[in-house]
Amino acid sequence: MPVEMRVLKAMPGHSITQIIATAQGLEILDCLSDHGKTLDSLAVELALDNASLFRLMRGLIYIGIVEKNAEAYYLTKAGIKLSKQGVTVSL
């Protein structure tokens, strides 16, 4: 397989990892662990730009970590497991 094809096949995995790592670093998942929040309230709480946060939230929805209804964003079961609320053991 040509190098170009191998790179293109690896990109989605890298993107998913980056989306999750960014959400963890910005503490988005922990902010959503108690209850759903609107984009505006989440942006204010985390001091983030609305447009940038919106793009990140779309990525989290796409990979199944967050879901959105007409009013707010919520963690999925997978998202809860990735948040501090989902951690059941410590080192």
Protein backbone atom coordinates (compact mmCIF):
# COMPACT_ATOMS: atom_id res chain seq x y z
CA MET A 1 0.00 0.00 0.00
CA PRO A 2 1.41 3.42 -0.90
CA VAL A 3 2.50 5.68 1.94
CA GLU A 4 -0.17 8.25 1.03
CA MET A 5 -2.92 5.66 1.53
CA ARG A 6 -1.51 4.54 4.88
CA VAL A 7 -1.43 8.15 6.08
CA LEU A 8 -5.02 8.75 4.95
CA LYS A 9 -6.18 5.58 6.72
CA ALA A 10 -4.45 6.60 9.97
CA MET A 11 -5.86 10.15 10.06
CA PRO A 12 -9.34 9.37 11.46
CA GLY A 13 -7.88 7.57 14.48
CA HIS A 14 -5.55 10.46 15.18
CA SER A 15 -8.40 12.97 14.84
CA ILE A 16 -10.59 11.05 17.28
CA THR A 17 -7.76 10.89 19.79
CA GLN A 18 -7.16 14.64 19.43
CA ILE A 19 -10.85 15.45 19.91
CA ILE A 20 -11.03 13.41 23.11
CA ALA A 21 -7.72 14.73 24.44
CA THR A 22 -8.78 18.32 23.76
CA ALA A 23 -12.14 17.81 25.48
CA GLN A 24 -10.38 16.26 28.48
CA GLY A 25 -7.78 19.01 28.63
CA LEU A 26 -10.45 21.71 28.57
CA GLU A 27 -12.51 19.78 31.18
CA ILE A 28 -15.59 19.78 28.95
CA LEU A 29 -16.59 16.24 29.89
CA ASP A 30 -16.35 16.97 33.60
CA CYS A 31 -18.49 20.11 33.19
CA LEU A 32 -21.18 18.04 31.48
CA SER A 33 -21.04 15.13 33.94
CA ASP A 34 -23.68 16.51 36.34
CA HIS A 35 -26.25 17.67 33.80
CA GLY A 36 -26.66 19.06 30.31
CA LYS A 37 -25.58 22.57 29.41
CA THR A 38 -26.15 24.95 26.56
CA LEU A 39 -23.25 25.96 24.36
CA ASP A 40 -23.33 29.48 25.80
CA SER A 41 -23.28 28.37 29.43
CA LEU A 42 -20.49 25.88 28.75
CA ALA A 43 -18.44 28.52 26.93
CA VAL A 44 -18.86 31.00 29.79
CA GLU A 45 -18.06 28.42 32.48
CA LEU A 46 -14.89 27.30 30.69
CA ALA A 47 -13.96 30.74 29.28
CA LEU A 48 -13.93 29.41 25.71
CA ASP A 49 -14.82 30.93 22.36
CA ASN A 50 -18.34 29.88 21.28
CA ALA A 51 -17.43 29.17 17.65
CA SER A 52 -14.41 27.03 18.56
CA LEU A 53 -16.36 25.19 21.25
CA PHE A 54 -19.19 24.55 18.78
CA ARG A 55 -16.79 22.86 16.34
CA LEU A 56 -15.33 20.71 19.10
CA MET A 57 -18.80 19.73 20.32
CA ARG A 58 -19.73 18.65 16.78
CA GLY A 59 -16.70 16.37 16.81
CA LEU A 60 -17.69 14.93 20.19
CA ILE A 61 -21.19 14.26 18.87
CA TYR A 62 -19.79 12.59 15.75
CA ILE A 63 -17.67 10.14 17.76
CA GLY A 64 -20.47 9.41 20.24
CA ILE A 65 -19.14 11.08 23.39
CA VAL A 66 -21.77 13.83 23.57
CA GLU A 67 -25.35 14.13 22.37
CA LYS A 68 -27.44 17.24 21.86
CA ASN A 69 -31.13 17.87 22.09
CA ALA A 70 -32.88 21.11 21.18
CA GLU A 71 -31.69 22.80 24.36
CA ALA A 72 -28.42 21.37 25.64
CA TYR A 73 -25.45 19.04 25.29
CA TYR A 74 -25.27 15.86 27.39
CA LEU A 75 -22.72 13.10 27.88
CA THR A 76 -23.47 9.69 26.39
CA LYS A 77 -22.63 6.52 28.34
CA ALA A 78 -19.22 6.57 26.66
CA GLY A 79 -18.76 10.21 27.65
CA ILE A 80 -19.60 9.47 31.27
CA LYS A 81 -16.94 6.76 31.33
CA LEU A 82 -14.36 9.28 30.08
CA SER A 83 -15.33 11.94 32.63
CA LYS A 84 -14.11 12.03 36.23
CA GLN A 85 -17.55 10.75 37.23
CA GLY A 86 -16.89 7.55 35.27
CA VAL A 87 -13.53 6.84 36.88
CA THR A 88 -13.97 4.19 39.55
CA VAL A 89 -10.37 3.48 40.52
CA SER A 90 -7.33 5.59 41.26
CA LEU A 91 -3.65 4.83 41.26
